[in-house]
């Protein structure tokens, strides 16, 4: 990328954006990312997921952030704002995805900084997340997130087999 990438917040989504988000999710699952889906992930299943996410974003229950390149949406992350009554200060970072064609270009850091800024703007003071990815673990640590533990066999890899999951948190300052 020749310019500094930026993340944009989607409060509403159109069919093209939903299609691009679905294709991004499918690419990540095909690349063996443990993001809650098994391989093969159908386009219909991916679209249904993103429609639910878009509905939640439109209701203000989550922040949906994307990064685009010349071919469309190439990265995304969500901040789940809707939390239990006793946790109004907390948000969950979810589905931080970068297309395989755009990795190692700093997009993950761009998305995470945007997620933190959006959470602060929404009044959150604590974010939590989990990951099964070694690359993501390194990124989160580099960005100042605190590793608080691992759970062995927490989830399945997209093609089967148990994987460990690491949990992180970040205290936010306005």
N, C-alpha and C. Protein backbone atom coordinates (compact mmCIF):
# COMPACT_ATOMS: atom_id res chain seq x y z
N UNK A 1 0.84 -1.17 0.00
CA UNK A 1 0.00 0.00 0.00
C UNK A 1 0.89 1.24 0.00
N UNK A 2 0.61 2.16 -0.85
CA UNK A 2 1.44 3.34 -0.98
C UNK A 2 1.04 4.45 -0.02
N UNK A 3 -0.16 4.41 0.53
CA UNK A 3 -0.61 5.43 1.47
C UNK A 3 -0.85 4.76 2.82
N UNK A 4 -0.94 5.59 3.84
CA UNK A 4 -1.20 5.08 5.18
C UNK A 4 -2.64 4.60 5.26
N UNK A 5 -2.86 3.31 5.52
CA UNK A 5 -4.22 2.79 5.58
C UNK A 5 -4.96 3.34 6.80
N UNK A 6 -6.26 3.48 6.66
CA UNK A 6 -7.09 3.93 7.76
C UNK A 6 -8.30 3.01 7.87
N UNK A 7 -8.82 2.93 9.08
CA UNK A 7 -10.01 2.13 9.33
C UNK A 7 -11.22 3.04 9.31
N UNK A 8 -12.31 2.53 8.77
CA UNK A 8 -13.58 3.25 8.72
C UNK A 8 -14.63 2.48 9.50
N UNK A 9 -15.51 3.20 10.16
CA UNK A 9 -16.61 2.57 10.90
C UNK A 9 -17.81 2.43 9.98
N UNK A 10 -18.38 1.23 9.93
CA UNK A 10 -19.60 0.98 9.17
C UNK A 10 -20.77 0.88 10.15
N UNK A 11 -21.67 1.85 10.07
CA UNK A 11 -22.88 1.78 10.90
C UNK A 11 -24.02 1.16 10.11
N UNK A 12 -23.92 1.26 8.80
CA UNK A 12 -24.84 0.56 7.90
C UNK A 12 -23.96 -0.12 6.85
N UNK A 13 -24.48 -1.19 6.27
CA UNK A 13 -23.72 -1.92 5.26
C UNK A 13 -24.60 -2.16 4.04
N UNK A 14 -23.97 -2.15 2.88
CA UNK A 14 -24.69 -2.47 1.65
C UNK A 14 -24.33 -3.88 1.20
N UNK A 15 -24.98 -4.35 0.15
CA UNK A 15 -24.75 -5.72 -0.32
C UNK A 15 -23.30 -5.96 -0.74
N UNK A 16 -22.68 -4.97 -1.36
CA UNK A 16 -21.28 -5.11 -1.78
C UNK A 16 -20.37 -5.29 -0.57
N UNK A 17 -20.58 -4.49 0.46
CA UNK A 17 -19.77 -4.60 1.67
C UNK A 17 -19.99 -5.95 2.36
N UNK A 18 -21.23 -6.40 2.43
CA UNK A 18 -21.51 -7.70 3.03
C UNK A 18 -20.82 -8.82 2.25
N UNK A 19 -20.85 -8.74 0.93
CA UNK A 19 -20.18 -9.73 0.08
C UNK A 19 -18.67 -9.72 0.35
N UNK A 20 -18.09 -8.54 0.42
CA UNK A 20 -16.65 -8.44 0.65
C UNK A 20 -16.27 -8.95 2.04
N UNK A 21 -17.08 -8.65 3.05
CA UNK A 21 -16.82 -9.16 4.39
C UNK A 21 -16.93 -10.69 4.41
N UNK A 22 -17.92 -11.23 3.71
CA UNK A 22 -18.07 -12.69 3.64
C UNK A 22 -16.86 -13.32 2.96
N UNK A 23 -16.40 -12.73 1.87
CA UNK A 23 -15.23 -13.26 1.17
C UNK A 23 -13.98 -13.18 2.04
N UNK A 24 -13.86 -12.11 2.84
CA UNK A 24 -12.74 -11.97 3.77
C UNK A 24 -12.78 -13.08 4.81
N UNK A 25 -13.94 -13.32 5.38
CA UNK A 25 -14.07 -14.37 6.39
C UNK A 25 -13.74 -15.74 5.79
N UNK A 26 -14.25 -16.01 4.60
CA UNK A 26 -13.96 -17.28 3.93
C UNK A 26 -12.45 -17.43 3.70
N UNK A 27 -11.80 -16.36 3.26
CA UNK A 27 -10.35 -16.40 3.04
C UNK A 27 -9.61 -16.75 4.33
N UNK A 28 -10.01 -16.15 5.43
CA UNK A 28 -9.33 -16.41 6.71
C UNK A 28 -9.56 -17.85 7.16
N UNK A 29 -10.78 -18.36 7.01
CA UNK A 29 -11.05 -19.75 7.39
C UNK A 29 -10.27 -20.70 6.48
N UNK A 30 -10.22 -20.40 5.18
CA UNK A 30 -9.42 -21.22 4.26
C UNK A 30 -7.94 -21.18 4.63
N UNK A 31 -7.50 -20.08 5.23
CA UNK A 31 -6.12 -19.95 5.68
C UNK A 31 -5.89 -20.51 7.08
N UNK A 32 -6.87 -21.24 7.60
CA UNK A 32 -6.79 -21.94 8.89
C UNK A 32 -6.84 -21.04 10.11
N UNK A 33 -7.48 -19.88 10.01
CA UNK A 33 -7.68 -19.03 11.18
C UNK A 33 -8.81 -19.61 12.03
N UNK A 34 -8.57 -19.73 13.32
CA UNK A 34 -9.59 -20.20 14.25
C UNK A 34 -10.43 -19.00 14.68
N UNK A 35 -11.49 -18.77 13.92
CA UNK A 35 -12.33 -17.59 14.16
C UNK A 35 -13.81 -17.96 14.31
N UNK A 36 -14.04 -19.20 14.76
CA UNK A 36 -15.40 -19.60 15.07
C UNK A 36 -16.12 -20.38 13.98
N UNK A 37 -15.45 -20.67 12.88
CA UNK A 37 -16.09 -21.36 11.76
C UNK A 37 -15.23 -22.52 11.31
N UNK A 38 -15.88 -23.53 10.77
CA UNK A 38 -15.18 -24.70 10.27
C UNK A 38 -15.07 -24.62 8.75
N UNK A 39 -14.04 -25.29 8.22
CA UNK A 39 -13.80 -25.37 6.78
C UNK A 39 -14.54 -26.58 6.23
N UNK A 40 -15.17 -26.48 5.08
CA UNK A 40 -15.32 -25.29 4.25
C UNK A 40 -16.47 -24.40 4.76
N UNK A 41 -16.26 -23.12 4.70
CA UNK A 41 -17.28 -22.14 5.09
C UNK A 41 -18.01 -21.70 3.83
N UNK A 42 -19.31 -21.89 3.79
CA UNK A 42 -20.08 -21.52 2.61
C UNK A 42 -20.32 -20.01 2.57
N UNK A 43 -20.50 -19.50 1.38
CA UNK A 43 -20.82 -18.09 1.21
C UNK A 43 -22.11 -17.74 1.94
N UNK A 44 -23.09 -18.62 1.88
CA UNK A 44 -24.38 -18.36 2.54
C UNK A 44 -24.20 -18.23 4.06
N UNK A 45 -23.40 -19.11 4.65
CA UNK A 45 -23.16 -19.05 6.08
C UNK A 45 -22.39 -17.77 6.44
N UNK A 46 -21.40 -17.43 5.65
CA UNK A 46 -20.62 -16.21 5.90
C UNK A 46 -21.50 -14.96 5.77
N UNK A 47 -22.34 -14.92 4.74
CA UNK A 47 -23.24 -13.78 4.57
C UNK A 47 -24.22 -13.67 5.74
N UNK A 48 -24.76 -14.80 6.20
CA UNK A 48 -25.69 -14.78 7.33
C UNK A 48 -25.00 -14.22 8.58
N UNK A 49 -23.75 -14.62 8.81
CA UNK A 49 -23.01 -14.09 9.95
C UNK A 49 -22.87 -12.58 9.84
N UNK A 50 -22.44 -12.09 8.67
CA UNK A 50 -22.21 -10.65 8.53
C UNK A 50 -23.50 -9.86 8.57
N UNK A 51 -24.60 -10.44 8.14
CA UNK A 51 -25.90 -9.74 8.28
C UNK A 51 -26.24 -9.55 9.75
N UNK A 52 -25.97 -10.56 10.58
CA UNK A 52 -26.22 -10.43 12.02
C UNK A 52 -25.30 -9.37 12.62
N UNK A 53 -24.04 -9.36 12.21
CA UNK A 53 -23.10 -8.34 12.70
C UNK A 53 -23.57 -6.96 12.28
N UNK A 54 -23.97 -6.80 11.03
CA UNK A 54 -24.43 -5.51 10.52
C UNK A 54 -25.67 -5.04 11.28
N UNK A 55 -26.57 -5.96 11.57
CA UNK A 55 -27.76 -5.58 12.36
C UNK A 55 -27.35 -5.09 13.74
N UNK A 56 -26.40 -5.76 14.37
CA UNK A 56 -25.91 -5.33 15.69
C UNK A 56 -25.22 -3.98 15.63
N UNK A 57 -24.47 -3.74 14.56
CA UNK A 57 -23.81 -2.43 14.39
C UNK A 57 -24.85 -1.33 14.19
N UNK A 58 -25.88 -1.61 13.41
CA UNK A 58 -26.93 -0.61 13.18
C UNK A 58 -27.68 -0.29 14.47
N UNK A 59 -27.80 -1.27 15.37
CA UNK A 59 -28.48 -1.06 16.66
C UNK A 59 -27.55 -0.43 17.71
N UNK A 60 -26.27 -0.26 17.39
CA UNK A 60 -25.32 0.32 18.33
C UNK A 60 -24.80 -0.68 19.35
N UNK A 61 -24.98 -1.98 19.10
CA UNK A 61 -24.51 -3.01 20.02
C UNK A 61 -23.05 -3.36 19.80
N UNK A 62 -22.52 -2.96 18.65
CA UNK A 62 -21.13 -3.25 18.33
C UNK A 62 -20.62 -2.20 17.35
N UNK A 63 -19.32 -2.06 17.33
CA UNK A 63 -18.64 -1.20 16.36
C UNK A 63 -18.05 -2.14 15.31
N UNK A 64 -18.29 -1.84 14.05
CA UNK A 64 -17.74 -2.61 12.93
C UNK A 64 -16.79 -1.71 12.16
N UNK A 65 -15.51 -2.08 12.17
CA UNK A 65 -14.47 -1.30 11.50
C UNK A 65 -13.91 -2.10 10.33
N UNK A 66 -13.58 -1.40 9.25
CA UNK A 66 -13.00 -2.05 8.08
C UNK A 66 -11.84 -1.23 7.54
N UNK A 67 -10.94 -1.91 6.85
CA UNK A 67 -9.87 -1.29 6.08
C UNK A 67 -10.04 -1.78 4.66
N UNK A 68 -9.88 -0.88 3.70
CA UNK A 68 -10.05 -1.23 2.29
C UNK A 68 -8.77 -1.00 1.51
N UNK A 69 -8.63 -1.75 0.42
CA UNK A 69 -7.59 -1.48 -0.56
C UNK A 69 -8.29 -1.30 -1.90
N UNK A 70 -7.55 -1.32 -2.98
CA UNK A 70 -8.13 -1.11 -4.30
C UNK A 70 -9.15 -2.16 -4.73
N UNK A 71 -9.14 -3.31 -4.04
CA UNK A 71 -10.07 -4.38 -4.38
C UNK A 71 -11.25 -4.46 -3.42
N UNK A 72 -11.28 -3.61 -2.41
CA UNK A 72 -12.40 -3.62 -1.46
C UNK A 72 -11.94 -3.85 -0.04
N UNK A 73 -12.83 -4.38 0.78
CA UNK A 73 -12.54 -4.61 2.20
C UNK A 73 -11.49 -5.71 2.32
N UNK A 74 -10.42 -5.38 3.03
CA UNK A 74 -9.29 -6.29 3.18
C UNK A 74 -9.01 -6.62 4.65
N UNK A 75 -9.69 -5.92 5.55
CA UNK A 75 -9.51 -6.18 6.97
C UNK A 75 -10.70 -5.67 7.76
N UNK A 76 -10.93 -6.28 8.91
CA UNK A 76 -12.04 -5.87 9.76
C UNK A 76 -11.78 -6.25 11.20
N UNK A 77 -12.45 -5.56 12.11
CA UNK A 77 -12.47 -5.89 13.53
C UNK A 77 -13.76 -5.33 14.10
N UNK A 78 -14.21 -5.94 15.18
CA UNK A 78 -15.42 -5.47 15.87
C UNK A 78 -15.10 -5.21 17.33
N UNK A 79 -15.83 -4.26 17.90
CA UNK A 79 -15.84 -4.07 19.35
C UNK A 79 -17.28 -4.31 19.79
N UNK A 80 -17.48 -5.36 20.57
CA UNK A 80 -18.82 -5.67 21.07
C UNK A 80 -19.06 -4.77 22.28
N UNK A 81 -20.02 -3.86 22.13
CA UNK A 81 -20.32 -2.88 23.17
C UNK A 81 -21.35 -3.40 24.17
N UNK A 82 -22.30 -4.18 23.69
CA UNK A 82 -23.39 -4.69 24.52
C UNK A 82 -22.84 -5.73 25.49
N UNK A 83 -22.83 -5.39 26.76
CA UNK A 83 -22.29 -6.25 27.81
C UNK A 83 -23.30 -6.39 28.93
N UNK A 84 -23.10 -7.34 29.84
CA UNK A 84 -24.01 -7.48 30.98
C UNK A 84 -24.06 -6.20 31.81
N UNK A 85 -25.13 -6.07 32.59
CA UNK A 85 -25.34 -4.86 33.39
C UNK A 85 -24.17 -4.52 34.30
N UNK A 86 -23.47 -5.54 34.80
CA UNK A 86 -22.38 -5.27 35.73
C UNK A 86 -21.04 -5.04 35.03
N UNK A 87 -21.07 -4.92 33.67
CA UNK A 87 -19.83 -4.71 32.93
C UNK A 87 -19.99 -3.61 31.86
N UNK A 88 -20.60 -2.49 32.20
CA UNK A 88 -20.83 -1.46 31.19
C UNK A 88 -19.54 -0.78 30.71
N UNK A 89 -18.47 -0.95 31.45
CA UNK A 89 -17.18 -0.32 31.15
C UNK A 89 -16.35 -1.14 30.18
N UNK A 90 -16.77 -2.37 29.85
CA UNK A 90 -15.97 -3.33 29.10
C UNK A 90 -16.51 -3.53 27.69
N UNK A 91 -15.57 -3.79 26.76
CA UNK A 91 -15.91 -4.19 25.40
C UNK A 91 -15.10 -5.41 25.02
N UNK A 92 -15.63 -6.20 24.11
CA UNK A 92 -14.91 -7.37 23.60
C UNK A 92 -14.47 -7.10 22.17
N UNK A 93 -13.19 -7.32 21.90
CA UNK A 93 -12.69 -7.23 20.53
C UNK A 93 -12.94 -8.58 19.88
N UNK A 94 -13.51 -8.55 18.69
CA UNK A 94 -13.94 -9.78 18.03
C UNK A 94 -13.63 -9.76 16.54
N UNK A 95 -13.31 -10.90 16.01
CA UNK A 95 -13.14 -11.14 14.57
C UNK A 95 -12.21 -10.13 13.91
N UNK A 96 -10.98 -10.03 14.46
CA UNK A 96 -9.97 -9.22 13.80
C UNK A 96 -9.42 -10.06 12.65
N UNK A 97 -9.76 -9.67 11.43
CA UNK A 97 -9.44 -10.45 10.23
C UNK A 97 -8.70 -9.59 9.22
N UNK A 98 -7.65 -10.14 8.64
CA UNK A 98 -6.95 -9.48 7.54
C UNK A 98 -6.80 -10.51 6.43
N UNK A 99 -7.18 -10.12 5.23
CA UNK A 99 -7.08 -11.02 4.07
C UNK A 99 -5.64 -11.44 3.87
N UNK A 100 -5.44 -12.68 3.46
CA UNK A 100 -4.06 -13.18 3.27
C UNK A 100 -3.28 -12.35 2.27
N UNK A 101 -3.93 -11.74 1.29
CA UNK A 101 -3.20 -10.94 0.30
C UNK A 101 -2.66 -9.64 0.88
N UNK A 102 -3.15 -9.25 2.06
CA UNK A 102 -2.79 -7.94 2.62
C UNK A 102 -2.07 -8.04 3.96
N UNK A 103 -1.63 -9.21 4.33
CA UNK A 103 -0.95 -9.36 5.62
C UNK A 103 0.46 -8.78 5.56
N UNK A 104 0.97 -8.50 6.75
CA UNK A 104 2.32 -7.95 6.93
C UNK A 104 2.47 -6.54 6.35
N UNK A 105 1.37 -5.80 6.34
CA UNK A 105 1.39 -4.42 5.87
C UNK A 105 0.95 -3.44 6.97
N UNK A 106 0.81 -3.94 8.19
CA UNK A 106 0.43 -3.08 9.31
C UNK A 106 -1.06 -2.89 9.49
N UNK A 107 -1.88 -3.63 8.74
CA UNK A 107 -3.33 -3.43 8.83
C UNK A 107 -3.89 -3.89 10.17
N UNK A 108 -3.32 -4.95 10.74
CA UNK A 108 -3.78 -5.41 12.05
C UNK A 108 -3.60 -4.32 13.11
N UNK A 109 -2.46 -3.66 13.08
CA UNK A 109 -2.21 -2.57 14.03
C UNK A 109 -3.17 -1.41 13.78
N UNK A 110 -3.41 -1.08 12.53
CA UNK A 110 -4.36 -0.01 12.19
C UNK A 110 -5.74 -0.35 12.75
N UNK A 111 -6.18 -1.57 12.53
CA UNK A 111 -7.50 -2.00 13.01
C UNK A 111 -7.57 -1.98 14.54
N UNK A 112 -6.53 -2.46 15.20
CA UNK A 112 -6.57 -2.50 16.67
C UNK A 112 -6.54 -1.09 17.27
N UNK A 113 -5.75 -0.20 16.71
CA UNK A 113 -5.75 1.19 17.21
C UNK A 113 -7.11 1.83 17.01
N UNK A 114 -7.74 1.56 15.88
CA UNK A 114 -9.08 2.09 15.61
C UNK A 114 -10.10 1.50 16.57
N UNK A 115 -9.96 0.22 16.87
CA UNK A 115 -10.88 -0.43 17.81
C UNK A 115 -10.74 0.21 19.20
N UNK A 116 -9.52 0.45 19.62
CA UNK A 116 -9.29 1.08 20.92
C UNK A 116 -9.89 2.49 20.95
N UNK A 117 -9.67 3.26 19.90
CA UNK A 117 -10.21 4.62 19.83
C UNK A 117 -11.73 4.60 19.83
N UNK A 118 -12.33 3.68 19.10
CA UNK A 118 -13.79 3.58 19.06
C UNK A 118 -14.33 3.19 20.43
N UNK A 119 -13.65 2.28 21.12
CA UNK A 119 -14.09 1.88 22.45
C UNK A 119 -14.03 3.05 23.43
N UNK A 120 -12.96 3.82 23.36
CA UNK A 120 -12.84 5.01 24.22
C UNK A 120 -13.98 5.98 23.92
N UNK A 121 -14.25 6.21 22.63
CA UNK A 121 -15.34 7.11 22.24
C UNK A 121 -16.69 6.62 22.75
N UNK A 122 -16.82 5.32 22.93
CA UNK A 122 -18.08 4.74 23.44
C UNK A 122 -18.09 4.62 24.96
N UNK A 123 -17.06 5.18 25.62
CA UNK A 123 -17.02 5.19 27.07
C UNK A 123 -16.46 3.93 27.72
N UNK A 124 -15.81 3.08 26.94
CA UNK A 124 -15.24 1.85 27.50
C UNK A 124 -13.86 2.13 28.07
N UNK A 125 -13.54 1.45 29.16
CA UNK A 125 -12.23 1.62 29.79
C UNK A 125 -11.44 0.31 29.83
N UNK A 126 -12.04 -0.78 29.38
CA UNK A 126 -11.37 -2.07 29.36
C UNK A 126 -11.80 -2.85 28.13
N UNK A 127 -10.83 -3.42 27.43
CA UNK A 127 -11.12 -4.31 26.31
C UNK A 127 -10.51 -5.67 26.59
N UNK A 128 -11.17 -6.72 26.12
CA UNK A 128 -10.65 -8.08 26.23
C UNK A 128 -10.77 -8.75 24.87
N UNK A 129 -9.92 -9.76 24.66
CA UNK A 129 -9.97 -10.53 23.42
C UNK A 129 -9.32 -11.87 23.64
N UNK A 130 -9.54 -12.76 22.68
CA UNK A 130 -8.83 -14.03 22.68
C UNK A 130 -8.37 -14.34 21.27
N UNK A 131 -7.31 -15.14 21.19
CA UNK A 131 -6.75 -15.51 19.89
C UNK A 131 -6.06 -16.86 19.97
N UNK A 132 -6.04 -17.54 18.83
CA UNK A 132 -5.29 -18.78 18.69
C UNK A 132 -4.07 -18.59 17.78
N UNK A 133 -3.87 -17.37 17.31
CA UNK A 133 -2.84 -17.07 16.32
C UNK A 133 -1.55 -16.56 16.97
N UNK A 134 -0.43 -17.19 16.61
CA UNK A 134 0.86 -16.70 17.10
C UNK A 134 1.15 -15.30 16.60
N UNK A 135 0.83 -15.01 15.32
CA UNK A 135 1.06 -13.66 14.78
C UNK A 135 0.23 -12.64 15.54
N UNK A 136 -1.01 -12.96 15.84
CA UNK A 136 -1.86 -12.03 16.59
C UNK A 136 -1.33 -11.83 18.01
N UNK A 137 -0.88 -12.90 18.64
CA UNK A 137 -0.30 -12.77 19.98
C UNK A 137 0.85 -11.76 19.97
N UNK A 138 1.72 -11.87 18.99
CA UNK A 138 2.86 -10.93 18.89
C UNK A 138 2.37 -9.50 18.65
N UNK A 139 1.38 -9.34 17.79
CA UNK A 139 0.82 -8.02 17.52
C UNK A 139 0.24 -7.40 18.78
N UNK A 140 -0.61 -8.14 19.47
CA UNK A 140 -1.26 -7.58 20.66
C UNK A 140 -0.24 -7.22 21.73
N UNK A 141 0.76 -8.05 21.91
CA UNK A 141 1.81 -7.75 22.88
C UNK A 141 2.55 -6.47 22.48
N UNK A 142 2.89 -6.36 21.21
CA UNK A 142 3.59 -5.17 20.71
C UNK A 142 2.76 -3.90 20.91
N UNK A 143 1.42 -4.02 20.83
CA UNK A 143 0.54 -2.87 20.98
C UNK A 143 0.20 -2.55 22.44
N UNK A 144 0.79 -3.29 23.37
CA UNK A 144 0.60 -2.99 24.79
C UNK A 144 -0.49 -3.76 25.48
N UNK A 145 -1.04 -4.76 24.84
CA UNK A 145 -2.05 -5.61 25.47
C UNK A 145 -1.37 -6.55 26.47
N UNK A 146 -2.08 -6.88 27.54
CA UNK A 146 -1.56 -7.76 28.58
C UNK A 146 -2.08 -9.18 28.38
N UNK A 147 -1.16 -10.12 28.27
CA UNK A 147 -1.52 -11.53 28.16
C UNK A 147 -1.91 -12.01 29.55
N UNK A 148 -3.05 -12.66 29.70
CA UNK A 148 -3.47 -13.09 31.03
C UNK A 148 -3.68 -14.59 31.14
N UNK A 149 -3.36 -15.33 30.08
CA UNK A 149 -3.41 -16.78 30.20
C UNK A 149 -3.82 -17.48 28.93
N UNK A 150 -3.60 -18.79 28.96
CA UNK A 150 -3.94 -19.65 27.83
C UNK A 150 -4.84 -20.78 28.32
N UNK A 151 -5.74 -21.20 27.45
CA UNK A 151 -6.59 -22.35 27.74
C UNK A 151 -6.31 -23.39 26.67
N UNK A 152 -5.73 -24.52 27.04
CA UNK A 152 -5.46 -25.57 26.04
C UNK A 152 -6.76 -26.19 25.55
N UNK A 153 -6.78 -26.55 24.27
CA UNK A 153 -7.94 -27.23 23.71
C UNK A 153 -9.22 -26.42 23.77
N UNK A 154 -9.14 -25.11 23.71
CA UNK A 154 -10.30 -24.23 23.86
C UNK A 154 -11.23 -24.30 22.65
N UNK A 155 -10.67 -24.45 21.47
CA UNK A 155 -11.48 -24.43 20.23
C UNK A 155 -10.88 -25.43 19.24
N UNK A 156 -11.51 -25.48 18.08
CA UNK A 156 -11.00 -26.33 17.01
C UNK A 156 -10.41 -25.46 15.90
N UNK A 157 -9.37 -25.97 15.27
CA UNK A 157 -8.89 -25.36 14.04
C UNK A 157 -9.95 -25.59 12.97
N UNK A 158 -10.02 -24.78 11.93
CA UNK A 158 -11.07 -24.92 10.91
C UNK A 158 -11.13 -26.29 10.24
N UNK A 159 -10.00 -26.97 10.17
CA UNK A 159 -9.99 -28.30 9.53
C UNK A 159 -9.94 -29.43 10.56
N UNK A 160 -10.18 -29.08 11.83
CA UNK A 160 -10.21 -30.08 12.89
C UNK A 160 -8.95 -30.05 13.73
N UNK A 161 -9.04 -30.61 14.91
CA UNK A 161 -7.93 -30.63 15.85
C UNK A 161 -8.04 -29.48 16.84
N UNK A 162 -7.80 -29.78 18.10
CA UNK A 162 -7.91 -28.77 19.15
C UNK A 162 -6.78 -27.74 19.08
N UNK A 163 -7.12 -26.51 19.44
CA UNK A 163 -6.11 -25.45 19.53
C UNK A 163 -6.25 -24.72 20.85
N UNK A 164 -5.13 -24.24 21.35
CA UNK A 164 -5.11 -23.42 22.55
C UNK A 164 -5.52 -22.00 22.19
N UNK A 165 -6.06 -21.30 23.17
CA UNK A 165 -6.46 -19.91 22.98
C UNK A 165 -5.83 -19.06 24.07
N UNK A 166 -5.29 -17.92 23.66
CA UNK A 166 -4.68 -16.96 24.58
C UNK A 166 -5.65 -15.81 24.83
N UNK A 167 -5.71 -15.35 26.06
CA UNK A 167 -6.59 -14.25 26.44
C UNK A 167 -5.74 -13.02 26.78
N UNK A 168 -6.23 -11.86 26.33
CA UNK A 168 -5.55 -10.59 26.52
C UNK A 168 -6.55 -9.54 27.01
N UNK A 169 -6.03 -8.52 27.69
CA UNK A 169 -6.85 -7.36 28.05
C UNK A 169 -6.03 -6.11 27.88
N UNK A 170 -6.74 -4.99 27.79
CA UNK A 170 -6.09 -3.68 27.67
C UNK A 170 -6.92 -2.65 28.42
N UNK A 171 -6.27 -1.96 29.35
CA UNK A 171 -6.90 -0.82 30.03
C UNK A 171 -6.80 0.38 29.09
N UNK A 172 -7.87 1.09 28.95
CA UNK A 172 -7.92 2.23 28.02
C UNK A 172 -7.90 3.54 28.79
N UNK A 173 -7.28 4.53 28.16
CA UNK A 173 -7.26 5.89 28.71
C UNK A 173 -7.78 6.83 27.64
N UNK A 174 -8.61 7.74 28.04
CA UNK A 174 -9.16 8.72 27.09
C UNK A 174 -8.10 9.72 26.68
